[in-house]
Amino acid sequence: MSLRAVVIGASAGGVQALSHVLPDLPADFPAPVLVVVHIPPRKDNALVDLFARKCRLEVKEAEDKEPLAPGMIYFAPPDYHLLVETAETLALSSDEAVNHSRPAIDVLFETAADAFGSALAAIVLTGANQDGAKGLKAVCEAGGRGFVQNPATAEVATMPEAALAACPAALTIRLDDIPNALQAMLEE
């Protein structure tokens, strides 16, 4: 399996969880990394600046119709769903909230599963709702690899528990082990 993209979803406690994952990706990590964090709609996206200072990869806010670039971390902008189009470009949508969230993790995961199939890794981190569970199941059904933060280590276990219930094939993983697991997928 060659890894062509990584999608990550997080909610409550997500910034801290992502701080264990994104900065540890090496500067030569070849796959784009797309991230949805539930943030209030009228808030500036401070995540880009925060992670740009911490990460070895370039970090940016996703733009509509932007082509995916290798080794780039894309954050969904506040109040927009982030989607992957089959042409491997990004799209933004202001469609209705999903699981009370826009951006919604399920929207990103489901569209990425359609675009990348078995060459996708999806990661569900800490959070207080069910968002990501349906999307993770779609990724695994498309042949991709699912990872879920160990609920015992999550600031809020609801989202990881829902993801594991929806997708029992997903691997429960410690945050610090995620970068190595993604590297291992590149070598498969």
Protein backbone atom coordinates (compact mmCIF):
# COMPACT_ATOMS: atom_id res chain seq x y z
CA MET A 1 0.00 0.00 0.00
CA SER A 2 1.43 3.34 -0.90
CA LEU A 3 0.29 6.23 1.27
CA ARG A 4 -0.89 9.16 -0.86
CA ALA A 5 -2.75 11.26 1.74
CA VAL A 6 -3.51 11.57 5.46
CA VAL A 7 -6.71 12.99 6.94
CA ILE A 8 -7.05 13.90 10.61
CA GLY A 9 -10.08 14.95 12.62
CA ALA A 10 -10.14 16.43 16.12
CA SER A 11 -12.44 18.39 18.37
CA ALA A 12 -12.28 19.12 22.11
CA GLY A 13 -8.63 18.75 23.16
CA GLY A 14 -7.55 18.55 19.53
CA VAL A 15 -4.87 21.22 19.58
CA GLN A 16 -2.95 19.41 22.29
CA ALA A 17 -3.42 16.05 20.56
CA LEU A 18 -2.25 17.44 17.20
CA SER A 19 0.80 18.88 18.97
CA HIS A 20 1.91 15.27 19.58
CA VAL A 21 1.48 14.30 15.93
CA LEU A 22 2.10 17.06 13.39
CA PRO A 23 5.47 18.41 14.68
CA ASP A 24 6.89 14.86 14.60
CA LEU A 25 6.28 14.37 10.89
CA PRO A 26 9.65 14.62 9.11
CA ALA A 27 10.46 17.48 6.73
CA ASP A 28 10.52 15.00 3.81
CA PHE A 29 7.08 13.47 4.56
CA PRO A 30 5.71 13.06 1.03
CA ALA A 31 1.94 12.91 1.53
CA PRO A 32 -0.41 15.87 2.02
CA VAL A 33 -2.02 16.01 5.48
CA LEU A 34 -5.55 17.42 5.71
CA VAL A 35 -6.87 18.44 9.12
CA VAL A 36 -10.33 19.31 10.40
CA VAL A 37 -10.61 20.76 13.89
CA HIS A 38 -13.97 21.90 15.22
CA ILE A 39 -13.52 25.63 15.78
CA PRO A 40 -16.16 28.31 16.28
CA PRO A 41 -17.34 29.82 12.96
CA ARG A 42 -16.41 33.44 13.58
CA LYS A 43 -12.98 32.78 14.98
CA ASP A 44 -9.78 33.46 13.10
CA ASN A 45 -7.89 30.29 12.34
CA ALA A 46 -5.00 30.59 14.79
CA LEU A 47 -4.16 26.92 14.17
CA VAL A 48 -2.18 27.69 11.01
CA ASP A 49 0.16 30.12 12.77
CA LEU A 50 0.46 27.91 15.83
CA PHE A 51 1.44 24.80 13.87
CA ALA A 52 3.56 26.64 11.30
CA ARG A 53 5.90 27.50 14.19
CA LYS A 54 5.98 23.89 15.49
CA CYS A 55 6.09 21.78 12.32
CA ARG A 56 8.83 20.84 9.87
CA LEU A 57 6.25 20.67 7.06
CA GLU A 58 4.66 23.76 5.56
CA VAL A 59 1.28 24.58 7.12
CA LYS A 60 -1.53 26.53 5.46
CA GLU A 61 -5.26 27.09 5.43
CA ALA A 62 -6.92 25.15 2.62
CA GLU A 63 -8.27 27.15 -0.33
CA ASP A 64 -11.08 26.29 -2.71
CA LYS A 65 -9.96 24.49 -5.92
CA GLU A 66 -6.37 24.33 -4.67
CA PRO A 67 -4.35 21.36 -5.98
CA LEU A 68 -3.00 19.08 -3.28
CA ALA A 69 0.76 19.33 -2.80
CA PRO A 70 2.97 16.67 -1.21
CA GLY A 71 4.35 17.33 2.25
CA MET A 72 1.87 20.10 3.06
CA ILE A 73 -0.42 20.35 6.09
CA TYR A 74 -3.81 21.87 5.20
CA PHE A 75 -6.24 23.08 7.87
CA ALA A 76 -9.93 23.50 7.08
CA PRO A 77 -10.91 27.16 7.38
CA PRO A 78 -13.47 28.14 10.04
CA ASP A 79 -17.09 27.61 8.98
CA TYR A 80 -16.27 25.67 5.77
CA HIS A 81 -16.34 21.96 5.06
CA LEU A 82 -13.09 20.72 3.51
CA LEU A 83 -13.50 18.19 0.70
CA VAL A 84 -11.13 16.31 -1.58
CA GLU A 85 -12.23 16.24 -5.19
CA THR A 86 -11.38 13.21 -7.29
CA ALA A 87 -8.94 15.28 -9.32
CA GLU A 88 -6.94 15.60 -6.10
CA THR A 89 -7.84 19.19 -5.62
CA LEU A 90 -9.43 20.63 -2.52
CA ALA A 91 -12.88 22.15 -2.33
CA LEU A 92 -14.57 24.25 0.33
CA SER A 93 -18.28 24.12 1.01
CA SER A 94 -20.68 26.11 3.16
CA ASP A 95 -23.29 23.32 3.06
CA GLU A 96 -25.24 22.54 6.23
CA ALA A 97 -23.36 21.51 9.35
CA VAL A 98 -22.82 17.76 9.82
CA ASN A 99 -22.84 16.48 13.40
CA HIS A 100 -23.42 20.11 14.43
CA SER A 101 -20.05 20.98 12.87
CA ARG A 102 -18.77 22.92 9.89
CA PRO A 103 -16.08 21.93 9.09
CA ALA A 104 -17.10 18.32 9.68
CA ILE A 105 -14.66 15.44 9.90
CA ASP A 106 -17.04 13.01 8.17
CA VAL A 107 -17.23 15.24 5.07
CA LEU A 108 -13.43 15.32 4.71
CA PHE A 109 -12.96 11.60 5.41
CA GLU A 110 -15.73 10.45 3.04
CA THR A 111 -14.54 12.58 0.11
CA ALA A 112 -10.91 11.60 0.72
CA ALA A 113 -11.91 7.92 0.80
CA ASP A 114 -13.51 8.36 -2.63
CA ALA A 115 -10.42 10.13 -3.98
CA PHE A 116 -7.65 7.97 -2.51
CA GLY A 117 -9.18 4.59 -1.61
CA SER A 118 -6.56 2.23 -0.18
CA ALA A 119 -3.80 4.88 -0.33
CA LEU A 120 -5.40 6.90 2.52
CA ALA A 121 -4.74 6.99 6.26
CA ALA A 122 -7.46 8.50 8.47
CA ILE A 123 -6.95 9.45 12.12
CA VAL A 124 -9.66 10.29 14.66
CA LEU A 125 -8.46 12.16 17.73
CA THR A 126 -10.11 13.46 20.91
CA GLY A 127 -13.57 15.05 20.74
CA ALA A 128 -17.00 15.34 22.30
CA ASN A 129 -19.34 14.16 19.53
CA GLN A 130 -19.74 11.38 16.95
CA ASP A 131 -18.10 13.26 14.05
CA GLY A 132 -15.50 11.13 12.27
CA ALA A 133 -17.07 7.75 13.03
CA LYS A 134 -19.02 7.47 9.77
CA GLY A 135 -16.12 8.90 7.78
CA LEU A 136 -13.60 6.51 9.31
CA LYS A 137 -15.86 3.60 8.40
CA ALA A 138 -15.97 4.90 4.80
CA VAL A 139 -12.15 5.09 4.71
CA CYS A 140 -11.76 1.52 5.97
CA GLU A 141 -14.44 0.24 3.55
CA ALA A 142 -12.51 1.88 0.68
CA GLY A 143 -9.41 -0.07 1.74
CA GLY A 144 -7.70 2.78 3.60
CA ARG A 145 -6.16 2.50 7.05
CA GLY A 146 -7.95 3.84 10.12
CA PHE A 147 -6.26 4.99 13.32
CA VAL A 148 -8.01 6.12 16.48
CA GLN A 149 -6.45 7.83 19.47
CA ASN A 150 -6.64 5.54 22.48
CA PRO A 151 -9.83 6.78 24.23
CA ALA A 152 -8.11 6.38 27.61
CA THR A 153 -5.61 9.10 26.62
CA ALA A 154 -8.11 11.43 24.91
CA GLU A 155 -9.10 14.64 26.67
CA VAL A 156 -12.68 13.73 25.65
CA ALA A 157 -13.19 10.06 24.74
CA THR A 158 -16.58 10.35 22.96
CA MET A 159 -15.23 10.78 19.43
CA PRO A 160 -12.58 8.01 19.59
CA GLU A 161 -15.09 5.62 21.19
CA ALA A 162 -17.69 6.34 18.47
CA ALA A 163 -15.05 5.84 15.76
CA LEU A 164 -13.99 2.48 17.17
CA ALA A 165 -17.61 1.35 17.49
CA ALA A 166 -18.29 2.29 13.84
CA CYS A 167 -15.02 0.88 12.53
CA PRO A 168 -13.71 -1.99 14.69
CA ALA A 169 -10.97 -2.63 12.09
CA ALA A 170 -9.32 0.69 13.00
CA LEU A 171 -6.14 0.52 15.04
CA THR A 172 -6.20 2.07 18.51
CA ILE A 173 -2.96 4.02 18.80
CA ARG A 174 -1.01 6.27 21.15
CA LEU A 175 -0.53 9.82 19.85
CA ASP A 176 3.25 9.54 19.94
CA ASP A 177 3.11 6.40 17.77
CA ILE A 178 1.13 7.99 14.92
CA PRO A 179 4.08 9.55 13.01
CA ASN A 180 5.95 6.22 13.01
CA ALA A 181 2.82 4.34 11.89
CA LEU A 182 2.43 6.73 8.95
CA GLN A 183 6.14 6.36 8.06
CA ALA A 184 5.72 2.57 8.12
CA MET A 185 2.81 2.85 5.67
CA LEU A 186 5.07 4.74 3.25
CA GLU A 187 7.45 1.78 3.22
CA GLU A 188 4.79 -0.89 2.56
